[in-house]
């Protein structure tokens, strides 16, 4: 049982191991967005944004809502931003 918790935690942190995914989480902490809005904000093409969203969705960090043909993404738990902020604070203190 305990090993499963460590494995899940490691997978969770692996999902946060790319700067673009952290940026996506920070964008979604402000409001739900569709891929086209994230593409503009991140200056990335659709395939890159979608690939990162797939990782976040597989780790249950984001959820979707469909409105017609548009899919909107939002965070499943806004507390994830606390984790990111704490890690960013560690690096800002070291400078």
N, C-alpha and C. Protein backbone atom coordinates (compact mmCIF):
# COMPACT_ATOMS: atom_id res chain seq x y z
N UNK A 1 0.83 -1.20 0.00
CA UNK A 1 0.00 0.00 0.00
C UNK A 1 0.87 1.25 0.00
N UNK A 2 1.84 1.31 0.89
CA UNK A 2 2.70 2.49 1.00
C UNK A 2 3.47 2.74 -0.29
N UNK A 3 3.93 1.68 -0.94
CA UNK A 3 4.67 1.82 -2.19
C UNK A 3 3.79 2.47 -3.26
N UNK A 4 2.49 2.19 -3.25
CA UNK A 4 1.58 2.79 -4.22
C UNK A 4 1.51 4.30 -4.05
N UNK A 5 1.53 4.78 -2.82
CA UNK A 5 1.50 6.22 -2.56
C UNK A 5 2.75 6.88 -3.12
N UNK A 6 3.90 6.24 -2.93
CA UNK A 6 5.15 6.79 -3.45
C UNK A 6 5.15 6.79 -4.98
N UNK A 7 4.63 5.73 -5.55
CA UNK A 7 4.56 5.65 -7.01
C UNK A 7 3.64 6.73 -7.56
N UNK A 8 2.48 6.91 -6.93
CA UNK A 8 1.55 7.95 -7.37
C UNK A 8 2.15 9.34 -7.21
N UNK A 9 2.84 9.57 -6.10
CA UNK A 9 3.48 10.87 -5.88
C UNK A 9 4.55 11.12 -6.94
N UNK A 10 5.34 10.10 -7.26
CA UNK A 10 6.38 10.25 -8.27
C UNK A 10 5.76 10.56 -9.64
N UNK A 11 4.68 9.90 -9.98
CA UNK A 11 4.01 10.16 -11.26
C UNK A 11 3.44 11.57 -11.30
N UNK A 12 2.91 12.02 -10.18
CA UNK A 12 2.35 13.37 -10.07
C UNK A 12 3.45 14.40 -10.33
N UNK A 13 4.61 14.21 -9.68
CA UNK A 13 5.70 15.15 -9.87
C UNK A 13 6.30 15.04 -11.27
N UNK A 14 6.29 13.87 -11.86
CA UNK A 14 6.76 13.73 -13.24
C UNK A 14 5.89 14.57 -14.18
N UNK A 15 4.60 14.60 -13.90
CA UNK A 15 3.69 15.40 -14.73
C UNK A 15 4.00 16.88 -14.62
N UNK A 16 4.59 17.29 -13.51
CA UNK A 16 4.95 18.69 -13.31
C UNK A 16 6.38 18.99 -13.76
N UNK A 17 7.03 18.04 -14.39
CA UNK A 17 8.45 18.18 -14.68
C UNK A 17 8.77 18.92 -15.97
N UNK A 18 7.78 19.54 -16.58
CA UNK A 18 8.03 20.31 -17.80
C UNK A 18 7.54 21.74 -17.60
N UNK A 19 8.36 22.72 -17.97
CA UNK A 19 7.97 24.13 -17.76
C UNK A 19 6.64 24.51 -18.42
N UNK A 20 6.36 23.94 -19.58
CA UNK A 20 5.10 24.27 -20.26
C UNK A 20 3.91 23.79 -19.45
N UNK A 21 4.02 22.62 -18.84
CA UNK A 21 2.89 22.12 -18.03
C UNK A 21 2.68 23.00 -16.81
N UNK A 22 3.75 23.49 -16.23
CA UNK A 22 3.61 24.41 -15.10
C UNK A 22 2.94 25.70 -15.55
N UNK A 23 3.33 26.19 -16.72
CA UNK A 23 2.70 27.41 -17.25
C UNK A 23 1.22 27.19 -17.52
N UNK A 24 0.88 26.02 -18.06
CA UNK A 24 -0.53 25.70 -18.32
C UNK A 24 -1.31 25.71 -17.01
N UNK A 25 -0.76 25.10 -15.98
CA UNK A 25 -1.43 25.07 -14.68
C UNK A 25 -1.63 26.48 -14.16
N UNK A 26 -0.62 27.33 -14.30
CA UNK A 26 -0.76 28.70 -13.84
C UNK A 26 -1.81 29.46 -14.63
N UNK A 27 -1.88 29.23 -15.95
CA UNK A 27 -2.94 29.85 -16.75
C UNK A 27 -4.32 29.40 -16.28
N UNK A 28 -4.46 28.10 -16.06
CA UNK A 28 -5.76 27.55 -15.66
C UNK A 28 -6.13 27.89 -14.23
N UNK A 29 -5.16 28.33 -13.44
CA UNK A 29 -5.49 28.75 -12.08
C UNK A 29 -6.27 30.06 -12.09
N UNK A 30 -6.16 30.80 -13.19
CA UNK A 30 -6.86 32.08 -13.31
C UNK A 30 -8.27 31.93 -13.89
N UNK A 31 -8.40 31.02 -14.90
CA UNK A 31 -9.70 30.78 -15.53
C UNK A 31 -9.62 29.55 -16.41
N UNK A 32 -10.77 28.99 -16.73
CA UNK A 32 -10.78 27.87 -17.66
C UNK A 32 -10.48 28.41 -19.05
N UNK A 33 -9.86 27.58 -19.86
CA UNK A 33 -9.44 28.01 -21.18
C UNK A 33 -9.57 26.87 -22.17
N UNK A 34 -9.72 27.24 -23.44
CA UNK A 34 -9.66 26.25 -24.51
C UNK A 34 -8.24 26.19 -25.05
N UNK A 35 -7.95 25.20 -25.85
CA UNK A 35 -6.60 25.02 -26.39
C UNK A 35 -6.18 26.25 -27.18
N UNK A 36 -7.09 26.82 -27.96
CA UNK A 36 -6.71 27.98 -28.78
C UNK A 36 -6.28 29.16 -27.91
N UNK A 37 -6.88 29.36 -26.76
CA UNK A 37 -6.48 30.44 -25.86
C UNK A 37 -5.10 30.15 -25.26
N UNK A 38 -4.87 28.88 -24.91
CA UNK A 38 -3.57 28.51 -24.36
C UNK A 38 -2.47 28.63 -25.42
N UNK A 39 -2.79 28.28 -26.66
CA UNK A 39 -1.83 28.42 -27.76
C UNK A 39 -1.35 29.87 -27.87
N UNK A 40 -2.30 30.79 -27.81
CA UNK A 40 -1.96 32.21 -27.92
C UNK A 40 -1.14 32.68 -26.72
N UNK A 41 -1.53 32.27 -25.53
CA UNK A 41 -0.84 32.71 -24.31
C UNK A 41 0.57 32.14 -24.21
N UNK A 42 0.76 30.92 -24.71
CA UNK A 42 2.05 30.25 -24.60
C UNK A 42 2.91 30.36 -25.85
N UNK A 43 2.30 30.87 -26.93
CA UNK A 43 2.98 30.97 -28.22
C UNK A 43 3.48 29.60 -28.70
N UNK A 44 2.58 28.61 -28.59
CA UNK A 44 2.88 27.24 -29.02
C UNK A 44 1.81 26.77 -29.99
N UNK A 45 2.14 25.76 -30.78
CA UNK A 45 1.13 25.21 -31.70
C UNK A 45 0.21 24.24 -30.96
N UNK A 46 -0.85 23.89 -31.64
CA UNK A 46 -1.91 23.06 -31.04
C UNK A 46 -1.40 21.70 -30.58
N UNK A 47 -0.51 21.08 -31.36
CA UNK A 47 -0.04 19.74 -30.99
C UNK A 47 0.76 19.76 -29.70
N UNK A 48 1.57 20.80 -29.50
CA UNK A 48 2.36 20.88 -28.27
C UNK A 48 1.46 21.09 -27.05
N UNK A 49 0.51 22.00 -27.16
CA UNK A 49 -0.40 22.26 -26.04
C UNK A 49 -1.21 21.01 -25.73
N UNK A 50 -1.73 20.37 -26.76
CA UNK A 50 -2.54 19.17 -26.56
C UNK A 50 -1.75 18.04 -25.92
N UNK A 51 -0.50 17.88 -26.31
CA UNK A 51 0.34 16.83 -25.74
C UNK A 51 0.54 17.06 -24.23
N UNK A 52 0.78 18.30 -23.86
CA UNK A 52 0.97 18.60 -22.44
C UNK A 52 -0.33 18.45 -21.66
N UNK A 53 -1.44 18.85 -22.26
CA UNK A 53 -2.74 18.67 -21.60
C UNK A 53 -3.05 17.20 -21.40
N UNK A 54 -2.64 16.36 -22.34
CA UNK A 54 -2.87 14.93 -22.23
C UNK A 54 -2.18 14.37 -20.98
N UNK A 55 -0.96 14.83 -20.73
CA UNK A 55 -0.21 14.38 -19.54
C UNK A 55 -0.91 14.86 -18.27
N UNK A 56 -1.31 16.12 -18.27
CA UNK A 56 -1.99 16.68 -17.09
C UNK A 56 -3.33 15.99 -16.85
N UNK A 57 -4.02 15.69 -17.91
CA UNK A 57 -5.32 15.02 -17.78
C UNK A 57 -5.15 13.57 -17.30
N UNK A 58 -4.13 12.89 -17.79
CA UNK A 58 -3.87 11.50 -17.37
C UNK A 58 -3.55 11.44 -15.88
N UNK A 59 -3.00 12.51 -15.35
CA UNK A 59 -2.67 12.57 -13.92
C UNK A 59 -3.75 13.29 -13.12
N UNK A 60 -4.90 13.47 -13.73
CA UNK A 60 -6.09 14.03 -13.08
C UNK A 60 -5.85 15.43 -12.50
N UNK A 61 -5.01 16.19 -13.18
CA UNK A 61 -4.74 17.57 -12.75
C UNK A 61 -5.67 18.56 -13.43
N UNK A 62 -6.15 18.19 -14.61
CA UNK A 62 -7.11 19.04 -15.33
C UNK A 62 -8.32 18.22 -15.72
N UNK A 63 -9.42 18.93 -15.90
CA UNK A 63 -10.67 18.30 -16.35
C UNK A 63 -11.18 19.11 -17.53
N UNK A 64 -12.15 18.55 -18.24
CA UNK A 64 -12.68 19.21 -19.42
C UNK A 64 -14.17 19.45 -19.31
N UNK A 65 -14.59 20.44 -20.09
CA UNK A 65 -16.03 20.74 -20.23
C UNK A 65 -16.24 21.13 -21.67
N UNK A 66 -17.22 20.50 -22.30
CA UNK A 66 -17.49 20.77 -23.71
C UNK A 66 -18.64 21.77 -23.84
N UNK A 67 -18.43 22.74 -24.72
CA UNK A 67 -19.48 23.70 -25.07
C UNK A 67 -19.54 23.75 -26.59
N UNK A 68 -20.48 23.01 -27.17
CA UNK A 68 -20.54 22.88 -28.62
C UNK A 68 -19.32 22.10 -29.10
N UNK A 69 -18.54 22.73 -29.97
CA UNK A 69 -17.33 22.06 -30.49
C UNK A 69 -16.08 22.44 -29.71
N UNK A 70 -16.22 23.33 -28.75
CA UNK A 70 -15.06 23.80 -27.99
C UNK A 70 -14.95 23.05 -26.67
N UNK A 71 -13.73 22.59 -26.37
CA UNK A 71 -13.46 21.92 -25.10
C UNK A 71 -12.69 22.89 -24.22
N UNK A 72 -13.22 23.12 -23.03
CA UNK A 72 -12.57 24.00 -22.06
C UNK A 72 -11.89 23.16 -21.00
N UNK A 73 -10.71 23.61 -20.59
CA UNK A 73 -9.93 22.92 -19.56
C UNK A 73 -9.91 23.76 -18.29
N UNK A 74 -9.93 23.08 -17.16
CA UNK A 74 -9.81 23.74 -15.86
C UNK A 74 -9.07 22.80 -14.91
N UNK A 75 -8.62 23.35 -13.81
CA UNK A 75 -7.91 22.54 -12.82
C UNK A 75 -8.90 21.70 -12.03
N UNK A 76 -8.53 20.48 -11.71
CA UNK A 76 -9.38 19.66 -10.86
C UNK A 76 -9.27 20.09 -9.41
N UNK A 77 -8.09 20.62 -9.03
CA UNK A 77 -7.86 21.07 -7.66
C UNK A 77 -6.89 22.25 -7.70
N UNK A 78 -7.36 23.39 -7.31
CA UNK A 78 -6.52 24.60 -7.37
C UNK A 78 -5.36 24.56 -6.38
N UNK A 79 -5.35 23.62 -5.45
CA UNK A 79 -4.24 23.50 -4.51
C UNK A 79 -2.93 23.14 -5.20
N UNK A 80 -3.00 22.65 -6.42
CA UNK A 80 -1.77 22.33 -7.15
C UNK A 80 -0.92 23.58 -7.32
N UNK A 81 -1.55 24.74 -7.38
CA UNK A 81 -0.77 25.98 -7.51
C UNK A 81 0.03 26.26 -6.24
N UNK A 82 -0.44 25.80 -5.09
CA UNK A 82 0.32 25.96 -3.85
C UNK A 82 1.63 25.18 -3.92
N UNK A 83 1.58 23.99 -4.48
CA UNK A 83 2.78 23.16 -4.63
C UNK A 83 3.78 23.88 -5.54
N UNK A 84 3.30 24.38 -6.66
CA UNK A 84 4.16 25.08 -7.61
C UNK A 84 4.75 26.33 -6.97
N UNK A 85 3.93 27.08 -6.25
CA UNK A 85 4.41 28.30 -5.59
C UNK A 85 5.49 27.99 -4.56
N UNK A 86 5.31 26.91 -3.80
CA UNK A 86 6.30 26.54 -2.80
C UNK A 86 7.64 26.19 -3.45
N UNK A 87 7.59 25.45 -4.53
CA UNK A 87 8.82 25.08 -5.22
C UNK A 87 9.49 26.33 -5.81
N UNK A 88 8.69 27.21 -6.40
CA UNK A 88 9.25 28.46 -6.94
C UNK A 88 9.87 29.30 -5.83
N UNK A 89 9.27 29.29 -4.65
CA UNK A 89 9.83 30.04 -3.51
C UNK A 89 11.19 29.48 -3.09
N UNK A 90 11.35 28.18 -3.14
CA UNK A 90 12.63 27.57 -2.81
C UNK A 90 13.72 28.14 -3.71
N UNK A 91 13.43 28.27 -4.99
CA UNK A 91 14.44 28.75 -5.92
C UNK A 91 14.64 30.26 -5.84
N UNK A 92 13.63 30.99 -5.47
CA UNK A 92 13.81 32.44 -5.35
C UNK A 92 14.60 32.80 -4.08
N UNK A 93 14.52 31.97 -3.06
CA UNK A 93 15.27 32.19 -1.82
C UNK A 93 16.76 31.91 -2.05
N UNK A 94 17.07 30.94 -2.91
CA UNK A 94 18.45 30.57 -3.16
C UNK A 94 19.21 31.63 -3.95
N UNK A 95 18.52 32.53 -4.62
CA UNK A 95 19.19 33.53 -5.46
C UNK A 95 19.66 34.72 -4.68
